Amino acid sequence: MKKFYEKSEILFAIFWIVVYTVSMANVPNIEDGPYAMLVLAAISLLMFLFVWKNGLMEKYGLSGWAKNNRAMLWFIPLWLIASCNLWSGVAPKYPMPRMVFAAVSMALVGFAEELIFRGFLFKAMLKDGSVKTAVVVSSVTFGLGHILNFLIGRQGLVETLVQAAFAVAFGFVVTMVFFKSGSLLPCILTHSLTDVFSVFAPEDAPSMLNWIAHAVVFITALSYCLYLLKRVETPPINRLDRQKENPPCPRQ
């Protein structure tokens, strides 16, 4: 696996996207039991062990919280986005213990998807291309991945398209957060909270409130991205000039 990674980080990222997508397409629905939770735990553990064993914790933003908290506005826009699933109230969707399985699975989804799309894919493209390309590809690829829910019959077309659009907007903001903070932890926490809160959200929420929530997410994401782009300095770990001078390498 290490040799594969050193040969092509982009192919390495694509490999994990395929593994994750195929795995999620072939496990039962999250609410059906612990199967999805166990698969997600295995994927997450394998990726984390690879990063940790090869000395890549700092490169992928897992070595600590962001040092520029104040410049990042303490990530308040992220917490606003994460809370949107609870705006219409709280109504747990599943009985116990399936509720526990669903909540843990959703938390693991946040970790796995952030490490794959913001970690492996974004950093691979950032290393080999421009910042704009890396941000766009990471965000759009993440959003399009949600179309899988329609293709395997878990969601209707309209619901899937709305979810994909939300995911693209979400992808842009967390990619920019990772790029400008150097830490993936706020992105993982936001993603996990957003998904965990979704299993506590009422299914019969007013459609108007849902549209308002999506509008708030889009406006917040756009505003925060513009602020980060113009007002926050890129940390050395994500600067293209620094990477070209001192490319990070796995431990021997």
Protein backbone atom coordinates (compact mmCIF):
# COMPACT_ATOMS: atom_id res chain seq x y z
CA MET A 1 0.00 0.00 0.00
CA LYS A 2 2.86 2.39 0.80
CA LYS A 3 4.50 1.82 -2.60
CA PHE A 4 1.15 2.40 -4.32
CA TYR A 5 0.76 5.66 -2.40
CA GLU A 6 4.27 6.86 -3.26
CA LYS A 7 3.76 6.02 -6.94
CA SER A 8 0.57 8.07 -7.33
CA GLU A 9 -1.35 9.86 -4.59
CA ILE A 10 -4.22 10.56 -6.97
CA LEU A 11 -4.64 6.88 -7.85
CA PHE A 12 -4.40 6.12 -4.15
CA ALA A 13 -7.27 8.54 -3.48
CA ILE A 14 -9.34 7.07 -6.33
CA PHE A 15 -8.71 3.59 -4.92
CA TRP A 16 -10.23 4.59 -1.58
CA ILE A 17 -13.15 6.34 -3.27
CA VAL A 18 -13.93 3.10 -5.14
CA VAL A 19 -13.49 0.95 -2.02
CA TYR A 20 -15.77 3.22 -0.02
CA THR A 21 -18.42 3.54 -2.73
CA VAL A 22 -18.59 -0.18 -3.50
CA SER A 23 -18.67 -1.04 0.20
CA MET A 24 -21.51 1.38 0.94
CA ALA A 25 -23.48 0.19 -2.09
CA ASN A 26 -23.36 -3.42 -0.93
CA VAL A 27 -24.14 -3.17 2.78
CA PRO A 28 -27.71 -3.14 4.13
CA ASN A 29 -29.30 0.17 5.05
CA ILE A 30 -27.80 1.78 8.12
CA GLU A 31 -31.01 1.32 10.10
CA ASP A 32 -31.05 -2.44 9.48
CA GLY A 33 -28.35 -3.28 11.99
CA PRO A 34 -24.65 -3.05 12.80
CA TYR A 35 -23.40 -4.18 9.37
CA ALA A 36 -22.82 -0.73 7.91
CA MET A 37 -21.25 0.41 11.18
CA LEU A 38 -18.77 -2.48 11.12
CA VAL A 39 -17.81 -1.89 7.47
CA LEU A 40 -17.35 1.85 8.09
CA ALA A 41 -15.29 1.15 11.19
CA ALA A 42 -13.02 -1.21 9.23
CA ILE A 43 -12.50 1.28 6.38
CA SER A 44 -11.87 4.16 8.79
CA LEU A 45 -9.42 2.13 10.86
CA LEU A 46 -7.44 0.96 7.83
CA MET A 47 -7.09 4.49 6.49
CA PHE A 48 -6.16 5.93 9.87
CA LEU A 49 -3.53 3.25 10.50
CA PHE A 50 -1.97 3.93 7.11
CA VAL A 51 -1.77 7.66 7.81
CA TRP A 52 -0.46 7.19 11.34
CA LYS A 53 2.05 4.45 10.53
CA ASN A 54 3.57 6.43 7.65
CA GLY A 55 3.95 9.72 9.50
CA LEU A 56 1.26 11.55 7.52
CA MET A 57 -0.83 12.84 10.42
CA GLU A 58 0.24 16.47 9.93
CA LYS A 59 -0.11 16.33 6.15
CA TYR A 60 -3.71 15.18 6.42
CA GLY A 61 -4.62 17.51 9.27
CA LEU A 62 -5.02 14.87 11.96
CA SER A 63 -2.18 15.95 14.25
CA GLY A 64 -4.13 18.65 16.09
CA TRP A 65 -6.71 21.40 16.06
CA ALA A 66 -6.17 24.50 13.92
CA LYS A 67 -3.71 27.01 15.33
CA ASN A 68 -5.44 29.97 13.65
CA ASN A 69 -8.75 29.57 15.47
CA ARG A 70 -9.41 33.26 15.73
CA ALA A 71 -8.75 33.95 12.06
CA MET A 72 -11.10 31.07 11.23
CA LEU A 73 -13.83 32.79 13.31
CA TRP A 74 -13.75 29.78 15.66
CA PHE A 75 -15.48 27.82 12.86
CA ILE A 76 -18.88 29.25 13.90
CA PRO A 77 -20.26 29.03 10.32
CA LEU A 78 -19.53 25.29 10.36
CA TRP A 79 -21.47 24.79 13.58
CA LEU A 80 -24.40 26.68 12.05
CA ILE A 81 -24.38 24.38 9.04
CA ALA A 82 -24.12 21.28 11.24
CA SER A 83 -27.18 22.30 13.24
CA CYS A 84 -29.53 22.67 10.26
CA ASN A 85 -30.90 19.12 10.58
CA LEU A 86 -32.31 19.97 14.01
CA TRP A 87 -34.05 23.21 13.08
CA SER A 88 -37.41 21.50 12.72
CA GLY A 89 -37.15 19.67 16.04
CA VAL A 90 -35.96 16.30 17.30
CA ALA A 91 -37.65 13.02 16.44
CA PRO A 92 -35.38 9.93 16.54
CA LYS A 93 -36.02 7.82 13.45
CA TYR A 94 -35.23 4.37 14.78
CA PRO A 95 -35.83 2.34 17.95
CA MET A 96 -32.96 1.25 20.16
CA PRO A 97 -30.43 -0.28 19.58
CA ARG A 98 -30.68 0.60 15.87
CA MET A 99 -30.50 4.25 16.85
CA VAL A 100 -27.04 3.67 18.29
CA PHE A 101 -25.90 1.80 15.18
CA ALA A 102 -27.20 4.59 12.94
CA ALA A 103 -25.59 7.39 15.00
CA VAL A 104 -22.19 5.66 15.18
CA SER A 105 -22.35 4.85 11.47
CA MET A 106 -23.06 8.48 10.63
CA ALA A 107 -20.13 9.64 12.76
CA LEU A 108 -17.86 7.20 10.93
CA VAL A 109 -19.16 8.43 7.58
CA GLY A 110 -17.97 11.90 8.55
CA PHE A 111 -14.48 10.64 9.34
CA ALA A 112 -14.13 8.37 6.31
CA GLU A 113 -15.47 10.82 3.73
CA GLU A 114 -13.43 13.74 5.04
CA LEU A 115 -10.20 11.74 5.03
CA ILE A 116 -10.90 10.45 1.51
CA PHE A 117 -12.17 13.61 -0.20
CA ARG A 118 -10.55 16.42 1.81
CA GLY A 119 -7.50 14.43 2.79
CA PHE A 120 -6.35 12.01 0.11
CA LEU A 121 -8.02 13.51 -2.98
CA PHE A 122 -7.64 17.21 -2.21
CA LYS A 123 -4.02 16.97 -1.07
CA ALA A 124 -3.08 14.80 -4.05
CA MET A 125 -4.53 17.33 -6.47
CA LEU A 126 -3.10 20.26 -4.53
CA LYS A 127 0.33 18.71 -4.90
CA ASP A 128 0.03 18.11 -8.64
CA GLY A 129 -2.16 21.03 -9.79
CA SER A 130 -3.71 24.36 -8.89
CA VAL A 131 -5.62 25.28 -5.74
CA LYS A 132 -8.77 26.07 -7.74
CA THR A 133 -8.77 22.69 -9.48
CA ALA A 134 -8.13 20.84 -6.23
CA VAL A 135 -10.98 22.62 -4.43
CA VAL A 136 -13.47 22.17 -7.27
CA VAL A 137 -12.70 18.52 -7.97
CA SER A 138 -12.73 17.55 -4.30
CA SER A 139 -16.05 19.34 -3.68
CA VAL A 140 -17.89 18.28 -6.84
CA THR A 141 -16.70 14.67 -6.65
CA PHE A 142 -17.96 14.51 -3.08
CA GLY A 143 -21.35 15.89 -4.11
CA LEU A 144 -21.75 13.63 -7.12
CA GLY A 145 -20.99 10.62 -4.97
CA HIS A 146 -24.36 11.09 -3.29
CA ILE A 147 -26.12 10.18 -6.55
CA LEU A 148 -25.30 6.61 -5.58
CA ASN A 149 -28.31 6.74 -3.22
CA PHE A 150 -30.59 7.10 -6.25
CA LEU A 151 -28.80 4.55 -8.40
CA ILE A 152 -29.16 1.81 -5.79
CA GLY A 153 -32.77 2.73 -5.04
CA ARG A 154 -32.41 4.20 -1.55
CA GLN A 155 -33.77 7.64 -2.48
CA GLY A 156 -35.93 9.31 -5.08
CA LEU A 157 -34.42 11.45 -7.83
CA VAL A 158 -35.51 14.86 -6.49
CA GLU A 159 -34.35 14.09 -2.96
CA THR A 160 -31.03 12.82 -4.30
CA LEU A 161 -30.42 15.92 -6.45
CA VAL A 162 -31.16 18.21 -3.51
CA GLN A 163 -28.82 16.18 -1.33
CA ALA A 164 -26.10 16.25 -3.99
CA ALA A 165 -26.39 20.04 -4.34
CA PHE A 166 -26.18 20.41 -0.55
CA ALA A 167 -23.14 18.10 -0.54
CA VAL A 168 -21.34 20.17 -3.19
CA ALA A 169 -21.88 23.36 -1.16
CA PHE A 170 -20.80 21.56 1.99
CA GLY A 171 -17.79 20.16 0.14
CA PHE A 172 -16.64 23.61 -0.93
CA VAL A 173 -16.78 25.07 2.56
CA VAL A 174 -15.04 22.20 4.37
CA THR A 175 -12.39 21.99 1.64
CA MET A 176 -11.65 25.68 2.10
CA VAL A 177 -11.61 25.22 5.87
CA PHE A 178 -9.04 22.43 5.57
CA PHE A 179 -6.99 24.44 3.07
CA LYS A 180 -6.91 27.56 5.24
CA SER A 181 -6.62 25.96 8.68
CA GLY A 182 -4.38 22.98 7.98
CA SER A 183 -6.54 20.84 10.29
CA LEU A 184 -9.04 18.25 9.13
CA LEU A 185 -10.53 17.86 12.61
CA PRO A 186 -13.09 20.72 12.35
CA CYS A 187 -14.23 19.28 9.01
CA ILE A 188 -14.60 15.79 10.45
CA LEU A 189 -16.48 17.10 13.47
CA THR A 190 -18.84 19.20 11.34
CA HIS A 191 -19.49 16.39 8.88
CA SER A 192 -20.08 13.84 11.62
CA LEU A 193 -22.42 16.13 13.56
CA THR A 194 -24.39 16.98 10.41
CA ASP A 195 -24.90 13.30 9.62
CA VAL A 196 -25.57 12.22 13.21
CA PHE A 197 -28.16 14.99 13.62
CA SER A 198 -29.88 13.71 10.46
CA VAL A 199 -30.97 10.54 12.26
CA PHE A 200 -32.60 12.69 14.95
CA ALA A 201 -34.37 14.99 12.48
CA PRO A 202 -38.15 14.56 11.98
CA GLU A 203 -39.11 13.12 8.62
CA ASP A 204 -42.25 15.22 8.35
CA ALA A 205 -40.56 18.62 8.66
CA PRO A 206 -42.32 21.44 6.75
CA SER A 207 -40.99 21.71 3.21
CA MET A 208 -40.65 25.48 3.55
CA LEU A 209 -38.37 25.07 6.55
CA ASN A 210 -36.24 22.59 4.60
CA TRP A 211 -35.84 25.05 1.73
CA ILE A 212 -34.95 27.82 4.18
CA ALA A 213 -32.35 25.58 5.82
CA HIS A 214 -30.79 24.76 2.45
CA ALA A 215 -30.74 28.44 1.48
CA VAL A 216 -29.02 29.34 4.76
CA VAL A 217 -26.43 26.62 4.16
CA PHE A 218 -25.67 27.87 0.65
CA ILE A 219 -25.39 31.51 1.74
CA THR A 220 -23.31 30.64 4.80
CA ALA A 221 -21.00 28.39 2.78
CA LEU A 222 -20.48 31.02 0.08
CA SER A 223 -19.88 33.85 2.55
CA TYR A 224 -17.48 31.82 4.68
CA CYS A 225 -15.54 30.61 1.62
CA LEU A 226 -15.11 34.18 0.38
CA TYR A 227 -13.97 35.31 3.82
CA LEU A 228 -11.44 32.47 4.08
CA LEU A 229 -10.14 33.11 0.58
CA LYS A 230 -9.59 36.83 1.11
CA ARG A 231 -8.81 37.21 4.81
CA VAL A 232 -7.06 34.06 6.06
CA GLU A 233 -3.45 33.21 5.28
CA THR A 234 -2.77 29.71 3.97
CA PRO A 235 -0.70 27.68 6.46
CA PRO A 236 2.71 26.40 5.27
CA ILE A 237 1.52 22.76 5.13
CA ASN A 238 -0.92 23.67 2.32
CA ARG A 239 1.17 26.22 0.43
CA LEU A 240 2.16 25.12 -3.04
CA ASP A 241 5.53 26.90 -2.89
CA ARG A 242 6.43 25.19 0.38
CA GLN A 243 5.35 21.78 -0.92
CA LYS A 244 7.54 22.14 -3.99
CA GLU A 245 10.53 23.12 -1.86
CA ASN A 246 9.99 20.50 0.84
CA PRO A 247 7.64 17.73 -0.35
CA PRO A 248 6.38 15.69 2.62
CA CYS A 249 7.42 12.06 2.59
CA PRO A 250 6.21 9.03 4.52
CA ARG A 251 8.44 7.69 7.27
CA GLN A 252 10.91 5.02 6.24
